[in-house]
């Protein structure tokens, strides 16, 4: 698979910007965070959906591709509200595996809402929003892009998520996320790109 100079430049730009941002942040936002879990690492994997974003949310009634996503990410919380909301940044790298495999880098802002409990369990909705760069499209994303006669290496990223933790292991969460990239109602491209329904594990520290 041959990468174009534009694709290489886009990936390098977003990776460099993300690294500089994370390096420039203070070791800890003193006085802003309510606890010590201000950083976390997570891994996630799952199949791509043939549906667009809205249809992928209905995971119980979905059609899945033979293609799959495997990735890892890092979050750093910068501000916490007394009510349990936390805001920070996220960056990640993934492999889009299938007949036409590719790589992905994404980065953006993240909001977590650590205020819901059911007995010893915590239920944390979260949303990551930013940008995604890939070396090539995959599956239904390729079909949609080809039908429009466009390439889509650079798109918006959106990652709505639900994470569940337990009081006995407070630093570990199990998560479910829709790993979504699209043109944002035509602001970048008139394309609902790829949608993967993933599950994973997060370690907070």
N, C-alpha and C. Protein backbone atom coordinates (compact mmCIF):
# COMPACT_ATOMS: atom_id res chain seq x y z
N UNK A 1 0.85 -1.19 0.00
CA UNK A 1 0.00 0.00 0.00
C UNK A 1 0.88 1.24 0.00
N UNK A 2 0.73 2.08 -1.00
CA UNK A 2 1.58 3.25 -1.17
C UNK A 2 0.94 4.47 -0.53
N UNK A 3 1.64 5.12 0.37
CA UNK A 3 1.12 6.34 1.00
C UNK A 3 1.52 7.54 0.15
N UNK A 4 0.61 8.50 -0.01
CA UNK A 4 0.94 9.72 -0.72
C UNK A 4 1.67 10.66 0.21
N UNK A 5 2.37 11.66 -0.36
CA UNK A 5 3.06 12.65 0.47
C UNK A 5 2.08 13.42 1.33
N UNK A 6 0.86 13.67 0.78
CA UNK A 6 -0.14 14.41 1.56
C UNK A 6 -0.59 13.64 2.78
N UNK A 7 -0.77 12.31 2.61
CA UNK A 7 -1.18 11.47 3.75
C UNK A 7 -0.08 11.44 4.81
N UNK A 8 1.18 11.26 4.35
CA UNK A 8 2.28 11.23 5.31
C UNK A 8 2.39 12.55 6.05
N UNK A 9 2.21 13.67 5.32
CA UNK A 9 2.31 14.98 5.95
C UNK A 9 1.22 15.22 6.96
N UNK A 10 -0.03 14.78 6.64
CA UNK A 10 -1.15 14.96 7.56
C UNK A 10 -0.95 14.17 8.84
N UNK A 11 -0.49 12.91 8.69
CA UNK A 11 -0.27 12.07 9.88
C UNK A 11 0.85 12.66 10.73
N UNK A 12 1.93 13.08 10.10
CA UNK A 12 3.04 13.67 10.85
C UNK A 12 2.64 14.93 11.57
N UNK A 13 1.81 15.75 10.92
CA UNK A 13 1.38 17.03 11.53
C UNK A 13 0.54 16.79 12.77
N UNK A 14 -0.45 15.89 12.68
CA UNK A 14 -1.34 15.67 13.82
C UNK A 14 -0.59 14.98 14.95
N UNK A 15 0.32 14.06 14.62
CA UNK A 15 1.10 13.38 15.67
C UNK A 15 2.02 14.35 16.38
N UNK A 16 2.70 15.22 15.62
CA UNK A 16 3.61 16.19 16.23
C UNK A 16 2.87 17.18 17.10
N UNK A 17 1.73 17.68 16.61
CA UNK A 17 0.93 18.64 17.38
C UNK A 17 0.47 18.03 18.70
N UNK A 18 -0.01 16.78 18.63
CA UNK A 18 -0.49 16.10 19.84
C UNK A 18 0.64 15.90 20.84
N UNK A 19 1.79 15.45 20.37
CA UNK A 19 2.94 15.23 21.27
C UNK A 19 3.38 16.52 21.94
N UNK A 20 3.46 17.60 21.17
CA UNK A 20 3.88 18.88 21.75
C UNK A 20 2.89 19.36 22.80
N UNK A 21 1.58 19.15 22.54
CA UNK A 21 0.56 19.56 23.49
C UNK A 21 0.69 18.79 24.79
N UNK A 22 0.84 17.47 24.70
CA UNK A 22 0.91 16.64 25.90
C UNK A 22 2.19 16.91 26.69
N UNK A 23 3.30 17.12 25.97
CA UNK A 23 4.57 17.38 26.66
C UNK A 23 4.52 18.72 27.39
N UNK A 24 3.82 19.70 26.80
CA UNK A 24 3.80 21.05 27.37
C UNK A 24 2.89 21.17 28.58
N UNK A 25 2.04 20.16 28.84
CA UNK A 25 1.12 20.25 29.96
C UNK A 25 1.87 20.03 31.27
N UNK A 26 1.41 20.63 32.37
CA UNK A 26 2.05 20.40 33.67
C UNK A 26 1.85 18.96 34.11
N UNK A 27 2.73 18.51 34.98
CA UNK A 27 2.65 17.13 35.45
C UNK A 27 1.30 16.83 36.09
N UNK A 28 0.69 17.83 36.69
CA UNK A 28 -0.63 17.66 37.27
C UNK A 28 -1.27 19.03 37.44
N UNK A 29 -2.55 19.11 37.12
CA UNK A 29 -3.26 20.38 37.26
C UNK A 29 -3.62 20.57 38.73
N UNK A 30 -2.70 21.14 39.48
CA UNK A 30 -2.86 21.27 40.93
C UNK A 30 -4.12 22.07 41.26
N UNK A 31 -4.91 21.53 42.20
CA UNK A 31 -6.08 22.24 42.69
C UNK A 31 -7.30 22.10 41.81
N UNK A 32 -7.18 21.45 40.63
CA UNK A 32 -8.32 21.34 39.74
C UNK A 32 -8.95 19.96 39.77
N UNK A 33 -8.15 18.94 40.03
CA UNK A 33 -8.66 17.59 39.97
C UNK A 33 -9.03 17.07 41.36
N UNK A 34 -10.16 16.36 41.39
CA UNK A 34 -10.70 15.91 42.66
C UNK A 34 -10.01 14.66 43.18
N UNK A 35 -9.33 13.88 42.32
CA UNK A 35 -8.65 12.66 42.77
C UNK A 35 -7.37 12.49 41.97
N UNK A 36 -6.72 11.34 42.16
CA UNK A 36 -5.42 11.13 41.54
C UNK A 36 -5.49 10.47 40.16
N UNK A 37 -6.69 10.09 39.70
CA UNK A 37 -6.80 9.40 38.41
C UNK A 37 -6.90 10.44 37.29
N UNK A 38 -5.84 11.19 37.10
CA UNK A 38 -5.84 12.26 36.11
C UNK A 38 -5.28 11.82 34.77
N UNK A 39 -4.78 10.58 34.68
CA UNK A 39 -4.30 10.03 33.42
C UNK A 39 -4.83 8.61 33.28
N UNK A 40 -4.96 8.14 32.04
CA UNK A 40 -5.33 6.75 31.84
C UNK A 40 -4.88 6.27 30.47
N UNK A 41 -4.69 4.95 30.38
CA UNK A 41 -4.39 4.26 29.13
C UNK A 41 -5.49 3.26 28.87
N UNK A 42 -5.83 3.06 27.60
CA UNK A 42 -6.86 2.08 27.29
C UNK A 42 -6.56 1.37 25.97
N UNK A 43 -7.08 0.15 25.86
CA UNK A 43 -7.01 -0.62 24.62
C UNK A 43 -8.44 -0.99 24.25
N UNK A 44 -8.71 -1.12 22.95
CA UNK A 44 -10.06 -1.45 22.52
C UNK A 44 -10.00 -2.13 21.15
N UNK A 45 -11.02 -2.95 20.87
CA UNK A 45 -11.08 -3.67 19.61
C UNK A 45 -12.53 -4.01 19.30
N UNK A 46 -12.82 -4.17 18.00
CA UNK A 46 -14.16 -4.56 17.61
C UNK A 46 -14.35 -4.46 16.11
N UNK A 47 -15.48 -4.97 15.60
CA UNK A 47 -15.72 -4.99 14.16
C UNK A 47 -16.24 -3.64 13.64
N UNK A 48 -15.98 -3.39 12.37
CA UNK A 48 -16.59 -2.25 11.70
C UNK A 48 -18.02 -2.60 11.32
N UNK A 49 -18.86 -1.59 11.33
CA UNK A 49 -20.26 -1.75 10.97
C UNK A 49 -20.49 -1.32 9.52
N UNK A 50 -21.45 -1.95 8.87
CA UNK A 50 -21.85 -1.50 7.54
C UNK A 50 -22.79 -0.30 7.63
N UNK A 51 -23.33 -0.06 8.83
CA UNK A 51 -24.27 1.04 9.05
C UNK A 51 -23.53 2.37 9.17
N UNK A 52 -24.29 3.44 9.02
CA UNK A 52 -23.76 4.76 9.34
C UNK A 52 -23.81 4.96 10.85
N UNK A 53 -23.41 6.15 11.32
CA UNK A 53 -23.24 6.37 12.76
C UNK A 53 -24.49 6.04 13.56
N UNK A 54 -25.64 6.57 13.16
CA UNK A 54 -26.87 6.35 13.91
C UNK A 54 -27.23 4.88 14.00
N UNK A 55 -27.06 4.16 12.89
CA UNK A 55 -27.38 2.74 12.89
C UNK A 55 -26.43 1.92 13.74
N UNK A 56 -25.17 2.34 13.80
CA UNK A 56 -24.17 1.61 14.59
C UNK A 56 -24.48 1.68 16.08
N UNK A 57 -25.10 2.78 16.51
CA UNK A 57 -25.49 2.90 17.93
C UNK A 57 -26.47 1.79 18.33
N UNK A 58 -27.25 1.30 17.37
CA UNK A 58 -28.17 0.19 17.63
C UNK A 58 -27.42 -1.13 17.43
N UNK A 59 -26.45 -1.38 18.32
CA UNK A 59 -25.54 -2.52 18.16
C UNK A 59 -26.25 -3.86 18.19
N UNK A 60 -27.46 -3.91 18.79
CA UNK A 60 -28.21 -5.15 18.89
C UNK A 60 -28.89 -5.50 17.56
N UNK A 61 -28.97 -4.55 16.65
CA UNK A 61 -29.64 -4.78 15.36
C UNK A 61 -28.76 -4.20 14.26
N UNK A 62 -27.59 -4.81 14.05
CA UNK A 62 -26.56 -4.22 13.22
C UNK A 62 -25.98 -5.26 12.27
N UNK A 63 -25.42 -4.79 11.17
CA UNK A 63 -24.68 -5.64 10.25
C UNK A 63 -23.20 -5.28 10.35
N UNK A 64 -22.36 -6.27 10.54
CA UNK A 64 -20.93 -6.01 10.74
C UNK A 64 -20.11 -6.53 9.56
N UNK A 65 -19.01 -5.84 9.32
CA UNK A 65 -18.07 -6.25 8.28
C UNK A 65 -17.13 -7.33 8.82
N UNK A 66 -16.35 -7.91 7.92
CA UNK A 66 -15.29 -8.82 8.35
C UNK A 66 -14.05 -8.03 8.78
N UNK A 67 -14.05 -6.71 8.53
CA UNK A 67 -12.95 -5.84 8.95
C UNK A 67 -13.08 -5.50 10.43
N UNK A 68 -11.94 -5.25 11.08
CA UNK A 68 -11.96 -4.97 12.51
C UNK A 68 -10.98 -3.86 12.85
N UNK A 69 -11.23 -3.22 13.99
CA UNK A 69 -10.36 -2.17 14.51
C UNK A 69 -9.67 -2.64 15.78
N UNK A 70 -8.38 -2.32 15.92
CA UNK A 70 -7.61 -2.61 17.13
C UNK A 70 -6.78 -1.38 17.45
N UNK A 71 -6.96 -0.82 18.64
CA UNK A 71 -6.25 0.41 18.94
C UNK A 71 -5.98 0.61 20.42
N UNK A 72 -5.19 1.64 20.71
CA UNK A 72 -4.86 2.02 22.08
C UNK A 72 -4.83 3.54 22.16
N UNK A 73 -5.18 4.06 23.34
CA UNK A 73 -5.22 5.50 23.51
C UNK A 73 -4.76 5.95 24.88
N UNK A 74 -4.56 7.23 24.99
CA UNK A 74 -4.10 7.87 26.22
C UNK A 74 -4.97 9.09 26.48
N UNK A 75 -5.40 9.26 27.73
CA UNK A 75 -6.17 10.44 28.13
C UNK A 75 -5.47 11.14 29.29
N UNK A 76 -5.54 12.47 29.28
CA UNK A 76 -5.02 13.27 30.39
C UNK A 76 -6.08 14.28 30.77
N UNK A 77 -6.58 14.18 31.99
CA UNK A 77 -7.60 15.10 32.46
C UNK A 77 -6.94 16.40 32.94
N UNK A 78 -7.52 17.52 32.55
CA UNK A 78 -6.96 18.83 32.87
C UNK A 78 -7.80 19.61 33.87
N UNK A 79 -9.09 19.31 33.93
CA UNK A 79 -9.98 20.06 34.82
C UNK A 79 -11.10 19.14 35.30
N UNK A 80 -11.45 19.25 36.56
CA UNK A 80 -12.55 18.47 37.13
C UNK A 80 -13.52 19.40 37.85
N UNK A 81 -14.80 19.21 37.59
CA UNK A 81 -15.85 19.96 38.27
C UNK A 81 -16.27 19.19 39.51
N UNK A 82 -16.75 19.92 40.53
CA UNK A 82 -17.17 19.29 41.78
C UNK A 82 -18.21 18.21 41.56
N UNK A 83 -19.07 18.39 40.56
CA UNK A 83 -20.14 17.44 40.32
C UNK A 83 -19.69 16.12 39.73
N UNK A 84 -18.43 16.02 39.27
CA UNK A 84 -17.92 14.77 38.74
C UNK A 84 -17.52 14.82 37.28
N UNK A 85 -17.78 15.93 36.60
CA UNK A 85 -17.37 16.05 35.21
C UNK A 85 -15.87 16.35 35.13
N UNK A 86 -15.20 15.69 34.18
CA UNK A 86 -13.78 15.92 33.94
C UNK A 86 -13.56 16.22 32.46
N UNK A 87 -12.60 17.11 32.20
CA UNK A 87 -12.32 17.51 30.82
C UNK A 87 -10.82 17.43 30.57
N UNK A 88 -10.45 16.91 29.40
CA UNK A 88 -9.04 16.77 29.10
C UNK A 88 -8.80 16.52 27.63
N UNK A 89 -7.70 15.82 27.33
CA UNK A 89 -7.31 15.53 25.95
C UNK A 89 -7.09 14.04 25.78
N UNK A 90 -7.24 13.57 24.53
CA UNK A 90 -7.04 12.17 24.21
C UNK A 90 -6.26 12.05 22.90
N UNK A 91 -5.40 11.05 22.80
CA UNK A 91 -4.70 10.73 21.56
C UNK A 91 -4.61 9.22 21.46
N UNK A 92 -4.67 8.71 20.22
CA UNK A 92 -4.62 7.27 20.06
C UNK A 92 -4.09 6.84 18.71
N UNK A 93 -3.76 5.56 18.64
CA UNK A 93 -3.27 4.96 17.40
C UNK A 93 -3.97 3.62 17.23
N UNK A 94 -4.39 3.32 15.99
CA UNK A 94 -5.07 2.06 15.75
C UNK A 94 -4.73 1.44 14.41
N UNK A 95 -5.05 0.15 14.30
CA UNK A 95 -4.92 -0.60 13.06
C UNK A 95 -6.31 -0.98 12.59
N UNK A 96 -6.59 -0.75 11.32
CA UNK A 96 -7.86 -1.10 10.69
C UNK A 96 -7.57 -2.33 9.83
N UNK A 97 -7.99 -3.50 10.32
CA UNK A 97 -7.52 -4.77 9.78
C UNK A 97 -8.57 -5.42 8.88
N UNK A 98 -8.11 -5.88 7.71
CA UNK A 98 -8.99 -6.54 6.76
C UNK A 98 -8.27 -6.76 5.45
N UNK A 99 -9.05 -6.96 4.39
CA UNK A 99 -8.45 -7.15 3.07
C UNK A 99 -7.66 -5.91 2.67
N UNK A 100 -8.16 -4.74 3.05
CA UNK A 100 -7.52 -3.47 2.72
C UNK A 100 -7.14 -2.79 4.04
N UNK A 101 -6.10 -3.24 4.69
CA UNK A 101 -5.73 -2.76 6.02
C UNK A 101 -5.10 -1.37 5.96
N UNK A 102 -5.20 -0.66 7.08
CA UNK A 102 -4.63 0.69 7.16
C UNK A 102 -4.37 1.03 8.62
N UNK A 103 -3.76 2.19 8.82
CA UNK A 103 -3.48 2.68 10.17
C UNK A 103 -4.22 3.98 10.41
N UNK A 104 -4.45 4.30 11.68
CA UNK A 104 -5.19 5.51 12.04
C UNK A 104 -4.54 6.18 13.25
N UNK A 105 -4.51 7.50 13.21
CA UNK A 105 -4.13 8.32 14.36
C UNK A 105 -5.28 9.28 14.63
N UNK A 106 -5.68 9.42 15.90
CA UNK A 106 -6.71 10.39 16.22
C UNK A 106 -6.33 11.17 17.48
N UNK A 107 -6.89 12.36 17.61
CA UNK A 107 -6.63 13.20 18.78
C UNK A 107 -7.77 14.19 18.94
N UNK A 108 -8.03 14.60 20.19
CA UNK A 108 -9.10 15.56 20.43
C UNK A 108 -9.31 15.83 21.90
N UNK A 109 -10.38 16.52 22.20
CA UNK A 109 -10.78 16.78 23.57
C UNK A 109 -11.71 15.70 24.07
N UNK A 110 -11.71 15.48 25.38
CA UNK A 110 -12.56 14.46 25.98
C UNK A 110 -13.27 15.01 27.20
N UNK A 111 -14.54 14.61 27.37
CA UNK A 111 -15.32 14.94 28.56
C UNK A 111 -15.81 13.64 29.18
N UNK A 112 -15.56 13.46 30.49
CA UNK A 112 -16.01 12.29 31.23
C UNK A 112 -16.94 12.75 32.35
N UNK A 113 -17.95 11.95 32.63
CA UNK A 113 -18.95 12.33 33.63
C UNK A 113 -19.03 11.25 34.71
N UNK A 114 -18.12 11.39 35.71
CA UNK A 114 -17.99 10.40 36.78
C UNK A 114 -18.95 10.70 37.93
N UNK A 115 -20.24 10.64 37.66
CA UNK A 115 -21.17 10.98 38.73
C UNK A 115 -22.32 9.98 38.90
N UNK A 116 -22.26 8.84 38.20
CA UNK A 116 -23.35 7.87 38.28
C UNK A 116 -22.87 6.59 38.94
N UNK A 117 -23.59 6.16 39.98
CA UNK A 117 -23.23 4.95 40.71
C UNK A 117 -24.45 4.06 40.90
N UNK A 118 -24.21 2.75 40.84
CA UNK A 118 -25.23 1.76 41.09
C UNK A 118 -24.63 0.73 42.04
N UNK A 119 -24.84 0.95 43.35
CA UNK A 119 -24.18 0.12 44.35
C UNK A 119 -22.68 0.34 44.29
N UNK A 120 -21.93 -0.74 44.12
CA UNK A 120 -20.47 -0.66 44.05
C UNK A 120 -19.97 -0.34 42.64
N UNK A 121 -20.88 -0.22 41.69
CA UNK A 121 -20.49 0.00 40.31
C UNK A 121 -20.57 1.48 39.95
N UNK A 122 -19.60 1.93 39.16
CA UNK A 122 -19.64 3.28 38.59
C UNK A 122 -19.96 3.16 37.11
N UNK A 123 -20.80 4.07 36.61
CA UNK A 123 -21.18 4.09 35.20
C UNK A 123 -20.81 5.47 34.67
N UNK A 124 -19.86 5.51 33.73
CA UNK A 124 -19.28 6.78 33.28
C UNK A 124 -19.48 6.98 31.78
N UNK A 125 -20.45 7.82 31.39
CA UNK A 125 -20.52 8.22 29.99
C UNK A 125 -19.40 9.20 29.67
N UNK A 126 -18.92 9.17 28.43
CA UNK A 126 -17.85 10.06 28.01
C UNK A 126 -17.99 10.33 26.52
N UNK A 127 -17.36 11.40 26.08
CA UNK A 127 -17.37 11.75 24.66
C UNK A 127 -16.02 12.34 24.28
N UNK A 128 -15.42 11.79 23.23
CA UNK A 128 -14.20 12.35 22.65
C UNK A 128 -14.53 12.93 21.29
N UNK A 129 -14.05 14.14 21.01
CA UNK A 129 -14.30 14.78 19.72
C UNK A 129 -13.02 15.44 19.24
N UNK A 130 -12.67 15.19 17.99
CA UNK A 130 -11.44 15.77 17.45
C UNK A 130 -11.28 15.45 15.98
N UNK A 131 -10.08 14.94 15.62
CA UNK A 131 -9.76 14.69 14.22
C UNK A 131 -9.11 13.32 14.07
N UNK A 132 -9.28 12.71 12.90
CA UNK A 132 -8.73 11.40 12.59
C UNK A 132 -8.01 11.46 11.25
N UNK A 133 -6.85 10.79 11.19
CA UNK A 133 -6.10 10.66 9.94
C UNK A 133 -5.82 9.17 9.71
N UNK A 134 -6.09 8.69 8.49
CA UNK A 134 -5.83 7.29 8.16
C UNK A 134 -4.93 7.20 6.93
N UNK A 135 -4.25 6.06 6.80
CA UNK A 135 -3.42 5.85 5.62
C UNK A 135 -4.24 5.36 4.44
N UNK A 136 -5.43 4.80 4.71
CA UNK A 136 -6.31 4.34 3.64
C UNK A 136 -7.70 4.10 4.23
N UNK A 137 -8.72 4.16 3.39
CA UNK A 137 -10.07 3.84 3.84
C UNK A 137 -10.25 2.33 3.89
N UNK A 138 -11.39 1.90 4.46
CA UNK A 138 -11.62 0.47 4.64
C UNK A 138 -13.11 0.17 4.57
N UNK A 139 -13.47 -0.99 4.02
CA UNK A 139 -14.84 -1.50 4.05
C UNK A 139 -15.87 -0.56 3.47
N UNK A 140 -16.96 -0.36 4.22
CA UNK A 140 -18.05 0.50 3.78
C UNK A 140 -17.58 1.94 3.57
N UNK A 141 -16.59 2.36 4.33
CA UNK A 141 -16.02 3.70 4.16
C UNK A 141 -15.44 3.86 2.76
N UNK A 142 -14.74 2.84 2.27
CA UNK A 142 -14.18 2.87 0.92
C UNK A 142 -15.29 2.96 -0.11
N UNK A 143 -16.35 2.17 0.06
CA UNK A 143 -17.47 2.17 -0.89
C UNK A 143 -18.13 3.55 -0.94
N UNK A 144 -18.33 4.17 0.21
CA UNK A 144 -18.97 5.49 0.24
C UNK A 144 -18.07 6.55 -0.39
N UNK A 145 -16.77 6.49 -0.08
CA UNK A 145 -15.85 7.47 -0.64
C UNK A 145 -15.73 7.31 -2.16
N UNK A 146 -15.65 6.05 -2.62
CA UNK A 146 -15.54 5.80 -4.06
C UNK A 146 -16.80 6.27 -4.79
N UNK A 147 -17.97 6.07 -4.17
CA UNK A 147 -19.22 6.50 -4.80
C UNK A 147 -19.27 8.01 -4.98
N UNK A 148 -18.59 8.74 -4.07
CA UNK A 148 -18.55 10.20 -4.16
C UNK A 148 -17.35 10.69 -4.98
N UNK A 149 -16.46 9.77 -5.33
CA UNK A 149 -15.27 10.14 -6.07
C UNK A 149 -14.28 10.97 -5.27
N UNK A 150 -14.17 10.68 -3.97
CA UNK A 150 -13.29 11.46 -3.10
C UNK A 150 -12.35 10.54 -2.33
N UNK A 151 -11.30 11.11 -1.78
CA UNK A 151 -10.43 10.45 -0.82
C UNK A 151 -10.75 11.04 0.56
N UNK A 152 -10.54 10.26 1.61
CA UNK A 152 -10.92 10.74 2.95
C UNK A 152 -9.86 10.41 3.98
N UNK A 153 -8.61 10.85 3.80
CA UNK A 153 -7.60 10.56 4.81
C UNK A 153 -7.81 11.35 6.11
N UNK A 154 -8.37 12.56 6.02
CA UNK A 154 -8.52 13.46 7.17
C UNK A 154 -9.99 13.76 7.39
N UNK A 155 -10.52 13.34 8.54
CA UNK A 155 -11.92 13.56 8.87
C UNK A 155 -12.04 13.90 10.36
N UNK A 156 -13.26 14.28 10.76
CA UNK A 156 -13.54 14.47 12.19
C UNK A 156 -13.57 13.11 12.89
N UNK A 157 -13.26 13.13 14.20
CA UNK A 157 -13.37 11.93 15.02
C UNK A 157 -14.41 12.15 16.11
N UNK A 158 -15.22 11.12 16.38
CA UNK A 158 -16.19 11.17 17.47
C UNK A 158 -16.20 9.81 18.15
N UNK A 159 -16.13 9.83 19.49
CA UNK A 159 -16.09 8.58 20.24
C UNK A 159 -17.00 8.60 21.46
N UNK A 160 -18.32 8.44 21.28
CA UNK A 160 -19.20 8.30 22.45
C UNK A 160 -18.94 6.97 23.14
N UNK A 161 -18.97 7.00 24.47
CA UNK A 161 -18.51 5.84 25.24
C UNK A 161 -19.29 5.68 26.54
N UNK A 162 -19.43 4.44 26.96
CA UNK A 162 -19.91 4.11 28.31
C UNK A 162 -18.86 3.21 28.96
N UNK A 163 -18.41 3.58 30.18
CA UNK A 163 -17.44 2.77 30.90
C UNK A 163 -18.04 2.33 32.24
N UNK A 164 -17.71 1.14 32.65
CA UNK A 164 -18.22 0.58 33.92
C UNK A 164 -17.03 0.16 34.77
N UNK A 165 -17.03 0.59 36.03
CA UNK A 165 -16.00 0.22 36.98
C UNK A 165 -16.60 -0.36 38.24
N UNK A 166 -15.75 -0.87 39.15
CA UNK A 166 -16.22 -1.44 40.41
C UNK A 166 -15.34 -0.91 41.54
N UNK A 167 -15.96 -0.71 42.68
CA UNK A 167 -15.26 -0.13 43.83
C UNK A 167 -14.05 -0.96 44.25
N UNK A 168 -14.10 -2.28 44.05
CA UNK A 168 -13.00 -3.15 44.48
C UNK A 168 -11.75 -2.95 43.63
N UNK A 169 -11.91 -2.51 42.39
CA UNK A 169 -10.75 -2.25 41.50
C UNK A 169 -10.95 -0.87 40.86
N UNK A 170 -10.79 0.19 41.64
CA UNK A 170 -11.16 1.54 41.18
C UNK A 170 -10.34 2.06 40.00
N UNK A 171 -9.19 1.47 39.74
CA UNK A 171 -8.35 1.96 38.65
C UNK A 171 -8.61 1.27 37.31
N UNK A 172 -9.56 0.33 37.29
CA UNK A 172 -9.86 -0.41 36.06
C UNK A 172 -11.30 -0.16 35.63
N UNK A 173 -11.49 0.05 34.33
CA UNK A 173 -12.83 0.18 33.75
C UNK A 173 -12.93 -0.72 32.52
N UNK A 174 -14.15 -1.21 32.28
CA UNK A 174 -14.48 -1.86 31.02
C UNK A 174 -15.29 -0.86 30.21
N UNK A 175 -14.99 -0.71 28.94
CA UNK A 175 -15.65 0.33 28.15
C UNK A 175 -16.24 -0.21 26.86
N UNK A 176 -17.26 0.48 26.37
CA UNK A 176 -17.84 0.23 25.06
C UNK A 176 -17.93 1.58 24.35
N UNK A 177 -17.48 1.64 23.10
CA UNK A 177 -17.39 2.91 22.37
C UNK A 177 -17.76 2.71 20.91
N UNK A 178 -18.31 3.74 20.30
CA UNK A 178 -18.43 3.80 18.85
C UNK A 178 -17.26 4.62 18.34
N UNK A 179 -16.39 3.99 17.57
CA UNK A 179 -15.19 4.63 17.02
C UNK A 179 -15.56 5.15 15.64
N UNK A 180 -15.84 6.45 15.56
CA UNK A 180 -16.48 7.03 14.37
C UNK A 180 -15.63 8.12 13.75
N UNK A 181 -15.57 8.13 12.42
CA UNK A 181 -14.94 9.23 11.68
C UNK A 181 -15.83 9.63 10.52
N UNK A 182 -15.98 10.94 10.33
CA UNK A 182 -16.86 11.43 9.27
C UNK A 182 -16.48 12.85 8.88
N UNK A 183 -17.16 13.33 7.84
CA UNK A 183 -16.89 14.67 7.33
C UNK A 183 -17.63 15.78 8.02
N UNK A 184 -18.39 15.45 9.07
CA UNK A 184 -19.07 16.50 9.84
C UNK A 184 -20.10 17.26 9.04
N UNK A 185 -21.10 16.52 8.49
CA UNK A 185 -22.19 17.14 7.72
C UNK A 185 -21.65 17.98 6.57
N UNK A 186 -20.58 17.50 5.95
CA UNK A 186 -20.06 18.17 4.77
C UNK A 186 -19.07 19.28 5.02
N UNK A 187 -18.73 19.55 6.27
CA UNK A 187 -17.78 20.64 6.54
C UNK A 187 -16.36 20.28 6.12
N UNK A 188 -16.01 18.97 6.17
CA UNK A 188 -14.76 18.50 5.58
C UNK A 188 -15.05 17.74 4.29
N UNK A 189 -16.03 16.82 4.37
CA UNK A 189 -16.44 16.03 3.20
C UNK A 189 -17.86 15.53 3.46
N UNK A 190 -18.65 15.31 2.39
CA UNK A 190 -20.02 14.82 2.57
C UNK A 190 -20.05 13.31 2.79
N UNK A 191 -19.39 12.87 3.85
CA UNK A 191 -19.12 11.44 4.03
C UNK A 191 -19.31 11.01 5.47
N UNK A 192 -20.13 9.97 5.70
CA UNK A 192 -20.13 9.25 6.96
C UNK A 192 -19.12 8.13 6.77
N UNK A 193 -17.93 8.28 7.36
CA UNK A 193 -16.81 7.39 7.06
C UNK A 193 -16.96 6.01 7.65
N UNK A 194 -16.16 5.70 8.65
CA UNK A 194 -16.18 4.36 9.25
C UNK A 194 -16.76 4.42 10.65
N UNK A 195 -17.37 3.30 11.05
CA UNK A 195 -17.97 3.17 12.37
C UNK A 195 -17.65 1.79 12.91
N UNK A 196 -16.86 1.74 13.98
CA UNK A 196 -16.52 0.47 14.61
C UNK A 196 -17.15 0.42 16.00
N UNK A 197 -17.77 -0.71 16.31
CA UNK A 197 -18.33 -0.93 17.65
C UNK A 197 -17.29 -1.69 18.46
N UNK A 198 -16.64 -0.99 19.39
CA UNK A 198 -15.49 -1.57 20.08
C UNK A 198 -15.77 -1.72 21.58
N UNK A 199 -15.07 -2.65 22.18
CA UNK A 199 -15.04 -2.83 23.63
C UNK A 199 -13.58 -2.82 24.07
N UNK A 200 -13.35 -2.47 25.33
CA UNK A 200 -11.96 -2.40 25.77
C UNK A 200 -11.82 -2.31 27.27
N UNK A 201 -10.59 -2.07 27.71
CA UNK A 201 -10.26 -1.96 29.12
C UNK A 201 -9.40 -0.71 29.32
N UNK A 202 -9.67 0.03 30.39
CA UNK A 202 -8.93 1.24 30.71
C UNK A 202 -8.26 1.11 32.08
N UNK A 203 -7.02 1.58 32.17
CA UNK A 203 -6.31 1.64 33.45
C UNK A 203 -6.08 3.10 33.80
N UNK A 204 -6.65 3.54 34.94
CA UNK A 204 -6.51 4.93 35.40
C UNK A 204 -5.38 5.01 36.43
N UNK A 205 -4.60 6.08 36.38
CA UNK A 205 -3.49 6.24 37.34
C UNK A 205 -3.21 7.71 37.57
